Amino acid sequence: TPIVLMGYCNPIDRFGPEKFCRAAARAGVDGLIVVDLPPE
């Protein structure tokens, strides 16, 4: 079953974006919705 995390930039930035993506992939997350992250 695909799992998509929905959240906001601040916790990810504090965690560390690279570290967070590695940890999310290891946990079994498939996708991310970061509401306040504009394409720019």
Full PDB file with SEQRES, HELIX, SHEET, SSBOND, CRYST1, ORIGX, SCALE, CONECT and MASTER records, all heavy atoms in Angstrom:
SEQRES   1 A   40  THR PRO ILE VAL LEU MET GLY TYR CYS ASN PRO ILE ASP          
SEQRES   2 A   40  ARG PHE GLY PRO GLU LYS PHE CYS ARG ALA ALA ALA ARG          
SEQRES   3 A   40  ALA GLY VAL ASP GLY LEU ILE VAL VAL ASP LEU PRO PRO          
SEQRES   4 A   40  GLU                                                          
HELIX    1 AA1 CYS A    9  PHE A   15  1                                   7    
HELIX    2 AA2 PRO A   17  ALA A   27  1                                  11    
SHEET    1 AA1 2 VAL A   4  GLY A   7  0                                        
SHEET    2 AA1 2 GLY A  31  VAL A  34  1                                        
CRYST1    1.000    1.000    1.000  90.00  90.00  90.00 P 1           1          
ORIGX1      1.000000  0.000000  0.000000        0.00000                         
ORIGX2      0.000000  1.000000  0.000000        0.00000                         
ORIGX3      0.000000  0.000000  1.000000        0.00000                         
SCALE1      1.000000  0.000000  0.000000        0.00000                         
SCALE2      0.000000  1.000000  0.000000        0.00000                         
SCALE3      0.000000  0.000000  1.000000        0.00000                         
ATOM      1  N   THR A   1       0.833  -1.208   0.000  1.00  0.00           N  
ATOM      2  CA  THR A   1       0.000   0.000   0.000  1.00  0.00           C  
ATOM      3  C   THR A   1       0.863   1.252   0.000  1.00  0.00           C  
ATOM      4  O   THR A   1       1.686   1.448   0.905  1.00  0.00           O  
ATOM      5  CB  THR A   1      -0.918   0.015   1.232  1.00  0.00           C  
ATOM      6  OG1 THR A   1      -1.679  -1.197   1.278  1.00  0.00           O  
ATOM      7  CG2 THR A   1      -1.865   1.212   1.178  1.00  0.00           C  
ATOM      8  N   PRO A   2       0.699   2.132  -0.985  1.00  0.00           N  
ATOM      9  CA  PRO A   2       1.510   3.357  -1.013  1.00  0.00           C  
ATOM     10  C   PRO A   2       1.189   4.285   0.157  1.00  0.00           C  
ATOM     11  O   PRO A   2       0.026   4.457   0.530  1.00  0.00           O  
ATOM     12  CB  PRO A   2       1.118   4.018  -2.346  1.00  0.00           C  
ATOM     13  CG  PRO A   2       0.575   2.896  -3.179  1.00  0.00           C  
ATOM     14  CD  PRO A   2      -0.113   1.985  -2.207  1.00  0.00           C  
ATOM     15  N   ILE A   3       2.239   4.861   0.725  1.00  0.00           N  
ATOM     16  CA  ILE A   3       2.103   5.821   1.827  1.00  0.00           C  
ATOM     17  C   ILE A   3       2.666   7.167   1.371  1.00  0.00           C  
ATOM     18  O   ILE A   3       3.809   7.252   0.909  1.00  0.00           O  
ATOM     19  CB  ILE A   3       2.873   5.362   3.082  1.00  0.00           C  
ATOM     20  CG1 ILE A   3       2.279   4.072   3.653  1.00  0.00           C  
ATOM     21  CG2 ILE A   3       2.885   6.461   4.144  1.00  0.00           C  
ATOM     22  CD1 ILE A   3       0.933   4.239   4.318  1.00  0.00           C  
ATOM     23  N   VAL A   4       1.846   8.203   1.520  1.00  0.00           N  
ATOM     24  CA  VAL A   4       2.257   9.566   1.188  1.00  0.00           C  
ATOM     25  C   VAL A   4       2.229  10.388   2.470  1.00  0.00           C  
ATOM     26  O   VAL A   4       1.199  10.457   3.150  1.00  0.00           O  
ATOM     27  CB  VAL A   4       1.319  10.192   0.139  1.00  0.00           C  
ATOM     28  CG1 VAL A   4       1.711  11.641  -0.137  1.00  0.00           C  
ATOM     29  CG2 VAL A   4       1.328   9.378  -1.154  1.00  0.00           C  
ATOM     30  N   LEU A   5       3.357  10.997   2.816  1.00  0.00           N  
ATOM     31  CA  LEU A   5       3.405  11.878   3.990  1.00  0.00           C  
ATOM     32  C   LEU A   5       2.984  13.274   3.588  1.00  0.00           C  
ATOM     33  O   LEU A   5       3.438  13.806   2.574  1.00  0.00           O  
ATOM     34  CB  LEU A   5       4.817  11.954   4.566  1.00  0.00           C  
ATOM     35  CG  LEU A   5       5.357  10.815   5.420  1.00  0.00           C  
ATOM     36  CD1 LEU A   5       6.608  11.287   6.151  1.00  0.00           C  
ATOM     37  CD2 LEU A   5       4.339  10.292   6.411  1.00  0.00           C  
ATOM     38  N   MET A   6       2.118  13.879   4.386  1.00  0.00           N  
ATOM     39  CA  MET A   6       1.716  15.266   4.154  1.00  0.00           C  
ATOM     40  C   MET A   6       2.211  16.109   5.322  1.00  0.00           C  
ATOM     41  O   MET A   6       1.975  15.775   6.492  1.00  0.00           O  
ATOM     42  CB  MET A   6       0.190  15.358   4.043  1.00  0.00           C  
ATOM     43  CG  MET A   6      -0.338  16.762   3.779  1.00  0.00           C  
ATOM     44  SD  MET A   6      -0.550  17.706   5.301  1.00  0.00           S  
ATOM     45  CE  MET A   6      -1.491  19.099   4.724  1.00  0.00           C  
ATOM     46  N   GLY A   7       2.946  17.162   5.025  1.00  0.00           N  
ATOM     47  CA  GLY A   7       3.457  18.011   6.091  1.00  0.00           C  
ATOM     48  C   GLY A   7       3.915  19.358   5.579  1.00  0.00           C  
ATOM     49  O   GLY A   7       3.542  19.798   4.487  1.00  0.00           O  
ATOM     50  N   TYR A   8       4.749  20.003   6.387  1.00  0.00           N  
ATOM     51  CA  TYR A   8       5.190  21.364   6.117  1.00  0.00           C  
ATOM     52  C   TYR A   8       6.715  21.447   6.174  1.00  0.00           C  
ATOM     53  O   TYR A   8       7.384  20.558   6.719  1.00  0.00           O  
ATOM     54  CB  TYR A   8       4.549  22.327   7.124  1.00  0.00           C  
ATOM     55  CG  TYR A   8       3.048  22.447   6.934  1.00  0.00           C  
ATOM     56  CD1 TYR A   8       2.176  21.531   7.514  1.00  0.00           C  
ATOM     57  CD2 TYR A   8       2.509  23.449   6.138  1.00  0.00           C  
ATOM     58  CE1 TYR A   8       0.803  21.616   7.323  1.00  0.00           C  
ATOM     59  CE2 TYR A   8       1.136  23.554   5.943  1.00  0.00           C  
ATOM     60  CZ  TYR A   8       0.289  22.632   6.524  1.00  0.00           C  
ATOM     61  OH  TYR A   8      -1.066  22.712   6.315  1.00  0.00           O  
ATOM     62  N   CYS A   9       7.240  22.521   5.593  1.00  0.00           N  
ATOM     63  CA  CYS A   9       8.693  22.658   5.423  1.00  0.00           C  
ATOM     64  C   CYS A   9       9.470  22.710   6.725  1.00  0.00           C  
ATOM     65  O   CYS A   9      10.556  22.144   6.823  1.00  0.00           O  
ATOM     66  CB  CYS A   9       9.005  23.933   4.626  1.00  0.00           C  
ATOM     67  SG  CYS A   9       8.807  23.783   2.861  1.00  0.00           S  
ATOM     68  N   ASN A  10       8.934  23.410   7.716  1.00  0.00           N  
ATOM     69  CA  ASN A  10       9.716  23.695   8.911  1.00  0.00           C  
ATOM     70  C   ASN A  10      10.255  22.443   9.599  1.00  0.00           C  
ATOM     71  O   ASN A  10      11.460  22.355   9.869  1.00  0.00           O  
ATOM     72  CB  ASN A  10       8.893  24.544   9.893  1.00  0.00           C  
ATOM     73  CG  ASN A  10       9.683  24.972  11.109  1.00  0.00           C  
ATOM     74  OD1 ASN A  10       9.767  24.239  12.079  1.00  0.00           O  
ATOM     75  ND2 ASN A  10      10.287  26.151  11.045  1.00  0.00           N  
ATOM     76  N   PRO A  11       9.425  21.433   9.886  1.00  0.00           N  
ATOM     77  CA  PRO A  11       9.969  20.224  10.529  1.00  0.00           C  
ATOM     78  C   PRO A  11      11.006  19.509   9.658  1.00  0.00           C  
ATOM     79  O   PRO A  11      11.987  18.966  10.178  1.00  0.00           O  
ATOM     80  CB  PRO A  11       8.725  19.346  10.741  1.00  0.00           C  
ATOM     81  CG  PRO A  11       7.586  20.299  10.759  1.00  0.00           C  
ATOM     82  CD  PRO A  11       7.951  21.370   9.774  1.00  0.00           C  
ATOM     83  N   ILE A  12      10.787  19.506   8.336  1.00  0.00           N  
ATOM     84  CA  ILE A  12      11.740  18.858   7.429  1.00  0.00           C  
ATOM     85  C   ILE A  12      13.063  19.609   7.423  1.00  0.00           C  
ATOM     86  O   ILE A  12      14.144  19.006   7.448  1.00  0.00           O  
ATOM     87  CB  ILE A  12      11.152  18.774   6.006  1.00  0.00           C  
ATOM     88  CG1 ILE A  12       9.937  17.831   6.014  1.00  0.00           C  
ATOM     89  CG2 ILE A  12      12.194  18.300   5.003  1.00  0.00           C  
ATOM     90  CD1 ILE A  12       9.161  17.810   4.703  1.00  0.00           C  
ATOM     91  N   ASP A  13      12.982  20.934   7.406  1.00  0.00           N  
ATOM     92  CA  ASP A  13      14.198  21.748   7.396  1.00  0.00           C  
ATOM     93  C   ASP A  13      14.992  21.549   8.681  1.00  0.00           C  
ATOM     94  O   ASP A  13      16.220  21.441   8.676  1.00  0.00           O  
ATOM     95  CB  ASP A  13      13.819  23.219   7.205  1.00  0.00           C  
ATOM     96  CG  ASP A  13      15.025  24.088   6.895  1.00  0.00           C  
ATOM     97  OD1 ASP A  13      15.874  23.663   6.074  1.00  0.00           O  
ATOM     98  OD2 ASP A  13      15.146  25.187   7.462  1.00  0.00           O  
ATOM     99  N   ARG A  14      14.283  21.468   9.804  1.00  0.00           N  
ATOM    100  CA  ARG A  14      14.955  21.249  11.088  1.00  0.00           C  
ATOM    101  C   ARG A  14      15.575  19.854  11.161  1.00  0.00           C  
ATOM    102  O   ARG A  14      16.649  19.669  11.727  1.00  0.00           O  
ATOM    103  CB  ARG A  14      13.965  21.454  12.240  1.00  0.00           C  
ATOM    104  CG  ARG A  14      13.573  22.908  12.481  1.00  0.00           C  
ATOM    105  CD  ARG A  14      12.503  23.017  13.554  1.00  0.00           C  
ATOM    106  NE  ARG A  14      12.977  22.517  14.837  1.00  0.00           N  
ATOM    107  CZ  ARG A  14      13.612  23.247  15.744  1.00  0.00           C  
ATOM    108  NH1 ARG A  14      13.864  24.528  15.500  1.00  0.00           N  
ATOM    109  NH2 ARG A  14      13.991  22.719  16.886  1.00  0.00           N  
ATOM    110  N   PHE A  15      14.900  18.874  10.591  1.00  0.00           N  
ATOM    111  CA  PHE A  15      15.396  17.495  10.573  1.00  0.00           C  
ATOM    112  C   PHE A  15      16.627  17.380   9.674  1.00  0.00           C  
ATOM    113  O   PHE A  15      17.551  16.609   9.957  1.00  0.00           O  
ATOM    114  CB  PHE A  15      14.274  16.586  10.054  1.00  0.00           C  
ATOM    115  CG  PHE A  15      14.479  15.122  10.288  1.00  0.00           C  
ATOM    116  CD1 PHE A  15      13.920  14.483  11.387  1.00  0.00           C  
ATOM    117  CD2 PHE A  15      15.212  14.361   9.399  1.00  0.00           C  
ATOM    118  CE1 PHE A  15      14.094  13.121  11.596  1.00  0.00           C  
ATOM    119  CE2 PHE A  15      15.389  12.996   9.592  1.00  0.00           C  
ATOM    120  CZ  PHE A  15      14.837  12.375  10.697  1.00  0.00           C  
ATOM    121  N   GLY A  16      16.611  18.189   8.606  1.00  0.00           N  
ATOM    122  CA  GLY A  16      17.646  18.124   7.575  1.00  0.00           C  
ATOM    123  C   GLY A  16      17.072  17.455   6.343  1.00  0.00           C  
ATOM    124  O   GLY A  16      16.746  16.264   6.397  1.00  0.00           O  
ATOM    125  N   PRO A  17      16.872  18.186   5.228  1.00  0.00           N  
ATOM    126  CA  PRO A  17      16.190  17.623   4.056  1.00  0.00           C  
ATOM    127  C   PRO A  17      16.808  16.330   3.529  1.00  0.00           C  
ATOM    128  O   PRO A  17      16.084  15.372   3.236  1.00  0.00           O  
ATOM    129  CB  PRO A  17      16.292  18.754   3.020  1.00  0.00           C  
ATOM    130  CG  PRO A  17      16.375  19.998   3.846  1.00  0.00           C  
ATOM    131  CD  PRO A  17      17.176  19.631   5.056  1.00  0.00           C  
ATOM    132  N   GLU A  18      18.139  16.285   3.431  1.00  0.00           N  
ATOM    133  CA  GLU A  18      18.771  15.069   2.910  1.00  0.00           C  
ATOM    134  C   GLU A  18      18.582  13.907   3.887  1.00  0.00           C  
ATOM    135  O   GLU A  18      18.212  12.788   3.491  1.00  0.00           O  
ATOM    136  CB  GLU A  18      20.260  15.316   2.662  1.00  0.00           C  
ATOM    137  CG  GLU A  18      20.965  14.126   2.037  1.00  0.00           C  
ATOM    138  CD  GLU A  18      22.412  14.422   1.675  1.00  0.00           C  
ATOM    139  OE1 GLU A  18      22.905  15.522   2.023  1.00  0.00           O  
ATOM    140  OE2 GLU A  18      23.042  13.550   1.057  1.00  0.00           O  
ATOM    141  N   LYS A  19      18.816  14.171   5.154  1.00  0.00           N  
ATOM    142  CA  LYS A  19      18.643  13.140   6.184  1.00  0.00           C  
ATOM    143  C   LYS A  19      17.191  12.665   6.229  1.00  0.00           C  
ATOM    144  O   LYS A  19      16.910  11.465   6.358  1.00  0.00           O  
ATOM    145  CB  LYS A  19      19.065  13.717   7.536  1.00  0.00           C  
ATOM    146  CG  LYS A  19      18.868  12.778   8.718  1.00  0.00           C  
ATOM    147  CD  LYS A  19      19.205  13.502  10.017  1.00  0.00           C  
ATOM    148  CE  LYS A  19      18.858  12.645  11.237  1.00  0.00           C  
ATOM    149  NZ  LYS A  19      19.060  13.397  12.506  1.00  0.00           N  
ATOM    150  N   PHE A  20      16.254  13.613   6.101  1.00  0.00           N  
ATOM    151  CA  PHE A  20      14.837  13.267   6.127  1.00  0.00           C  
ATOM    152  C   PHE A  20      14.468  12.351   4.965  1.00  0.00           C  
ATOM    153  O   PHE A  20      13.765  11.345   5.159  1.00  0.00           O  
ATOM    154  CB  PHE A  20      13.975  14.531   6.076  1.00  0.00           C  
ATOM    155  CG  PHE A  20      12.538  14.247   5.743  1.00  0.00           C  
ATOM    156  CD1 PHE A  20      11.705  13.638   6.670  1.00  0.00           C  
ATOM    157  CD2 PHE A  20      12.020  14.579   4.496  1.00  0.00           C  
ATOM    158  CE1 PHE A  20      10.380  13.351   6.361  1.00  0.00           C  
ATOM    159  CE2 PHE A  20      10.713  14.300   4.177  1.00  0.00           C  
ATOM    160  CZ  PHE A  20       9.888  13.688   5.106  1.00  0.00           C  
ATOM    161  N   CYS A  21      14.908  12.669   3.757  1.00  0.00           N  
ATOM    162  CA  CYS A  21      14.549  11.845   2.594  1.00  0.00           C  
ATOM    163  C   CYS A  21      15.123  10.438   2.721  1.00  0.00           C  
ATOM    164  O   CYS A  21      14.456   9.452   2.372  1.00  0.00           O  
ATOM    165  CB  CYS A  21      15.025  12.514   1.303  1.00  0.00           C  
ATOM    166  SG  CYS A  21      14.055  13.975   0.858  1.00  0.00           S  
ATOM    167  N   ARG A  22      16.350  10.327   3.234  1.00  0.00           N  
ATOM    168  CA  ARG A  22      16.921   8.997   3.454  1.00  0.00           C  
ATOM    169  C   ARG A  22      16.089   8.222   4.472  1.00  0.00           C  
ATOM    170  O   ARG A  22      15.776   7.044   4.282  1.00  0.00           O  
ATOM    171  CB  ARG A  22      18.371   9.103   3.934  1.00  0.00           C  
ATOM    172  CG  ARG A  22      19.375   9.510   2.877  1.00  0.00           C  
ATOM    173  CD  ARG A  22      20.793   9.144   3.319  1.00  0.00           C  
ATOM    174  NE  ARG A  22      21.125   9.687   4.624  1.00  0.00           N  
ATOM    175  CZ  ARG A  22      21.730  10.858   4.830  1.00  0.00           C  
ATOM    176  NH1 ARG A  22      22.058  11.619   3.797  1.00  0.00           N  
ATOM    177  NH2 ARG A  22      22.008  11.272   6.049  1.00  0.00           N  
ATOM    178  N   ALA A  23      15.732   8.898   5.561  1.00  0.00           N  
ATOM    179  CA  ALA A  23      14.970   8.231   6.630  1.00  0.00           C  
ATOM    180  C   ALA A  23      13.564   7.866   6.151  1.00  0.00           C  
ATOM    181  O   ALA A  23      13.053   6.789   6.480  1.00  0.00           O  
ATOM    182  CB  ALA A  23      14.891   9.143   7.852  1.00  0.00           C  
ATOM    183  N   ALA A  24      12.939   8.744   5.372  1.00  0.00           N  
ATOM    184  CA  ALA A  24      11.594   8.469   4.863  1.00  0.00           C  
ATOM    185  C   ALA A  24      11.604   7.260   3.937  1.00  0.00           C  
ATOM    186  O   ALA A  24      10.734   6.384   4.014  1.00  0.00           O  
ATOM    187  CB  ALA A  24      11.042   9.693   4.144  1.00  0.00           C  
ATOM    188  N   ALA A  25      12.605   7.183   3.057  1.00  0.00           N  
ATOM    189  CA  ALA A  25      12.711   6.046   2.143  1.00  0.00           C  
ATOM    190  C   ALA A  25      12.944   4.751   2.918  1.00  0.00           C  
ATOM    191  O   ALA A  25      12.342   3.717   2.623  1.00  0.00           O  
ATOM    192  CB  ALA A  25      13.825   6.290   1.132  1.00  0.00           C  
ATOM    193  N   ARG A  26      13.816   4.805   3.925  1.00  0.00           N  
ATOM    194  CA  ARG A  26      14.080   3.613   4.728  1.00  0.00           C  
ATOM    195  C   ARG A  26      12.830   3.145   5.464  1.00  0.00           C  
ATOM    196  O   ARG A  26      12.600   1.947   5.639  1.00  0.00           O  
ATOM    197  CB  ARG A  26      15.202   3.876   5.736  1.00  0.00           C  
ATOM    198  CG  ARG A  26      16.592   3.977   5.116  1.00  0.00           C  
ATOM    199  CD  ARG A  26      17.672   3.815   6.183  1.00  0.00           C  
ATOM    200  NE  ARG A  26      17.606   4.822   7.222  1.00  0.00           N  
ATOM    201  CZ  ARG A  26      18.286   5.952   7.220  1.00  0.00           C  
ATOM    202  NH1 ARG A  26      19.080   6.247   6.195  1.00  0.00           N  
ATOM    203  NH2 ARG A  26      18.194   6.804   8.215  1.00  0.00           N  
ATOM    204  N   ALA A  27      12.012   4.101   5.903  1.00  0.00           N  
ATOM    205  CA  ALA A  27      10.794   3.758   6.643  1.00  0.00           C  
ATOM    206  C   ALA A  27       9.737   3.143   5.746  1.00  0.00           C  
ATOM    207  O   ALA A  27       8.851   2.431   6.233  1.00  0.00           O  
ATOM    208  CB  ALA A  27      10.242   5.005   7.330  1.00  0.00           C  
ATOM    209  N   GLY A  28       9.810   3.410   4.439  1.00  0.00           N  
ATOM    210  CA  GLY A  28       8.808   2.876   3.524  1.00  0.00           C  
ATOM    211  C   GLY A  28       7.833   3.900   3.000  1.00  0.00           C  
ATOM    212  O   GLY A  28       6.773   3.558   2.473  1.00  0.00           O  
ATOM    213  N   VAL A  29       8.175   5.182   3.105  1.00  0.00           N  
ATOM    214  CA  VAL A  29       7.366   6.252   2.528  1.00  0.00           C  
ATOM    215  C   VAL A  29       7.571   6.250   1.009  1.00  0.00           C  
ATOM    216  O   VAL A  29       8.670   5.997   0.516  1.00  0.00           O  
ATOM    217  CB  VAL A  29       7.763   7.620   3.128  1.00  0.00           C  
ATOM    218  CG1 VAL A  29       7.064   8.772   2.405  1.00  0.00           C  
ATOM    219  CG2 VAL A  29       7.452   7.652   4.621  1.00  0.00           C  
ATOM    220  N   ASP A  30       6.504   6.561   0.275  1.00  0.00           N  
ATOM    221  CA  ASP A  30       6.575   6.572  -1.187  1.00  0.00           C  
ATOM    222  C   ASP A  30       6.522   7.975  -1.782  1.00  0.00           C  
ATOM    223  O   ASP A  30       7.096   8.218  -2.846  1.00  0.00           O  
ATOM    224  CB  ASP A  30       5.426   5.752  -1.767  1.00  0.00           C  
ATOM    225  CG  ASP A  30       5.467   4.319  -1.273  1.00  0.00           C  
ATOM    226  OD1 ASP A  30       6.375   3.583  -1.695  1.00  0.00           O  
ATOM    227  OD2 ASP A  30       4.609   3.943  -0.455  1.00  0.00           O  
ATOM    228  N   GLY A  31       5.799   8.869  -1.143  1.00  0.00           N  
ATOM    229  CA  GLY A  31       5.654  10.212  -1.686  1.00  0.00           C  
ATOM    230  C   GLY A  31       5.524  11.244  -0.592  1.00  0.00           C  
ATOM    231  O   GLY A  31       5.216  10.924   0.562  1.00  0.00           O  
ATOM    232  N   LEU A  32       5.752  12.512  -0.974  1.00  0.00           N  
ATOM    233  CA  LEU A  32       5.704  13.619  -0.027  1.00  0.00           C  
ATOM    234  C   LEU A  32       4.798  14.721  -0.564  1.00  0.00           C  
ATOM    235  O   LEU A  32       4.891  15.092  -1.738  1.00  0.00           O  
ATOM    236  CB  LEU A  32       7.102  14.210   0.189  1.00  0.00           C  
ATOM    237  CG  LEU A  32       8.224  13.241   0.572  1.00  0.00           C  
ATOM    238  CD1 LEU A  32       9.570  13.975   0.539  1.00  0.00           C  
ATOM    239  CD2 LEU A  32       7.968  12.639   1.948  1.00  0.00           C  
ATOM    240  N   ILE A  33       3.923  15.225   0.299  1.00  0.00           N  
ATOM    241  CA  ILE A  33       3.170  16.441   0.010  1.00  0.00           C  
ATOM    242  C   ILE A  33       3.659  17.487   1.004  1.00  0.00           C  
ATOM    243  O   ILE A  33       3.436  17.344   2.211  1.00  0.00           O  
ATOM    244  CB  ILE A  33       1.655  16.234   0.168  1.00  0.00           C  
ATOM    245  CG1 ILE A  33       1.152  15.195  -0.828  1.00  0.00           C  
ATOM    246  CG2 ILE A  33       0.918  17.554  -0.014  1.00  0.00           C  
ATOM    247  CD1 ILE A  33      -0.307  14.812  -0.623  1.00  0.00           C  
ATOM    248  N   VAL A  34       4.358  18.484   0.504  1.00  0.00           N  
ATOM    249  CA  VAL A  34       4.869  19.550   1.369  1.00  0.00           C  
ATOM    250  C   VAL A  34       4.122  20.811   0.960  1.00  0.00           C  
ATOM    251  O   VAL A  34       4.438  21.454  -0.051  1.00  0.00           O  
ATOM    252  CB  VAL A  34       6.392  19.722   1.221  1.00  0.00           C  
ATOM    253  CG1 VAL A  34       6.909  20.732   2.244  1.00  0.00           C  
ATOM    254  CG2 VAL A  34       7.095  18.377   1.412  1.00  0.00           C  
ATOM    255  N   VAL A  35       3.108  21.141   1.732  1.00  0.00           N  
ATOM    256  CA  VAL A  35       2.121  22.136   1.332  1.00  0.00           C  
ATOM    257  C   VAL A  35       2.728  23.504   1.056  1.00  0.00           C  
ATOM    258  O   VAL A  35       2.345  24.192   0.112  1.00  0.00           O  
ATOM    259  CB  VAL A  35       1.036  22.260   2.427  1.00  0.00           C  
ATOM    260  CG1 VAL A  35       0.020  23.325   2.053  1.00  0.00           C  
ATOM    261  CG2 VAL A  35       0.349  20.922   2.625  1.00  0.00           C  
ATOM    262  N   ASP A  36       3.688  23.909   1.880  1.00  0.00           N  
ATOM    263  CA  ASP A  36       4.239  25.261   1.762  1.00  0.00           C  
ATOM    264  C   ASP A  36       5.589  25.280   1.053  1.00  0.00           C  
ATOM    265  O   ASP A  36       6.397  26.188   1.271  1.00  0.00           O  
ATOM    266  CB  ASP A  36       4.345  25.923   3.134  1.00  0.00           C  
ATOM    267  CG  ASP A  36       5.122  25.083   4.151  1.00  0.00           C  
ATOM    268  OD1 ASP A  36       5.399  23.898   3.863  1.00  0.00           O  
ATOM    269  OD2 ASP A  36       5.443  25.612   5.227  1.00  0.00           O  
ATOM    270  N   LEU A  37       5.831  24.322   0.155  1.00  0.00           N  
ATOM    271  CA  LEU A  37       7.061  24.301  -0.627  1.00  0.00           C  
ATOM    272  C   LEU A  37       6.729  24.652  -2.075  1.00  0.00           C  
ATOM    273  O   LEU A  37       6.295  23.793  -2.840  1.00  0.00           O  
ATOM    274  CB  LEU A  37       7.716  22.915  -0.559  1.00  0.00           C  
ATOM    275  CG  LEU A  37       9.042  22.762  -1.323  1.00  0.00           C  
ATOM    276  CD1 LEU A  37      10.138  23.595  -0.673  1.00  0.00           C  
ATOM    277  CD2 LEU A  37       9.451  21.298  -1.395  1.00  0.00           C  
ATOM    278  N   PRO A  38       6.929  25.915  -2.484  1.00  0.00           N  
ATOM    279  CA  PRO A  38       6.622  26.292  -3.865  1.00  0.00           C  
ATOM    280  C   PRO A  38       7.656  25.712  -4.825  1.00  0.00           C  
ATOM    281  O   PRO A  38       8.783  25.394  -4.417  1.00  0.00           O  
ATOM    282  CB  PRO A  38       6.706  27.828  -3.837  1.00  0.00           C  
ATOM    283  CG  PRO A  38       7.634  28.133  -2.711  1.00  0.00           C  
ATOM    284  CD  PRO A  38       7.436  27.049  -1.691  1.00  0.00           C  
ATOM    285  N   PRO A  39       7.314  25.556  -6.105  1.00  0.00           N  
ATOM    286  CA  PRO A  39       8.258  25.001  -7.077  1.00  0.00           C  
ATOM    287  C   PRO A  39       9.583  25.753  -7.127  1.00  0.00           C  
ATOM    288  O   PRO A  39      10.633  25.146  -7.346  1.00  0.00           O  
ATOM    289  CB  PRO A  39       7.507  25.124  -8.402  1.00  0.00           C  
ATOM    290  CG  PRO A  39       6.066  25.110  -8.023  1.00  0.00           C  
ATOM    291  CD  PRO A  39       5.997  25.821  -6.692  1.00  0.00           C  
ATOM    292  N   GLU A  40       9.526  27.060  -6.891  1.00  0.00           N  
ATOM    293  CA  GLU A  40      10.755  27.859  -6.946  1.00  0.00           C  
ATOM    294  C   GLU A  40      11.742  27.487  -5.841  1.00  0.00           C  
ATOM    295  O   GLU A  40      12.929  27.779  -5.941  1.00  0.00           O  
ATOM    296  CB  GLU A  40      10.413  29.356  -6.831  1.00  0.00           C  
ATOM    297  CG  GLU A  40       9.697  29.919  -8.035  1.00  0.00           C  
ATOM    298  CD  GLU A  40       8.218  29.587  -8.070  1.00  0.00           C  
ATOM    299  OE1 GLU A  40       7.703  29.007  -7.072  1.00  0.00           O  
ATOM    300  OE2 GLU A  40       7.563  29.897  -9.077  1.00  0.00           O  
TER     301      GLU A  40                                                      
MASTER        0    0    0    2    2    0    0    6  300    1    0    4          
END                                                                             
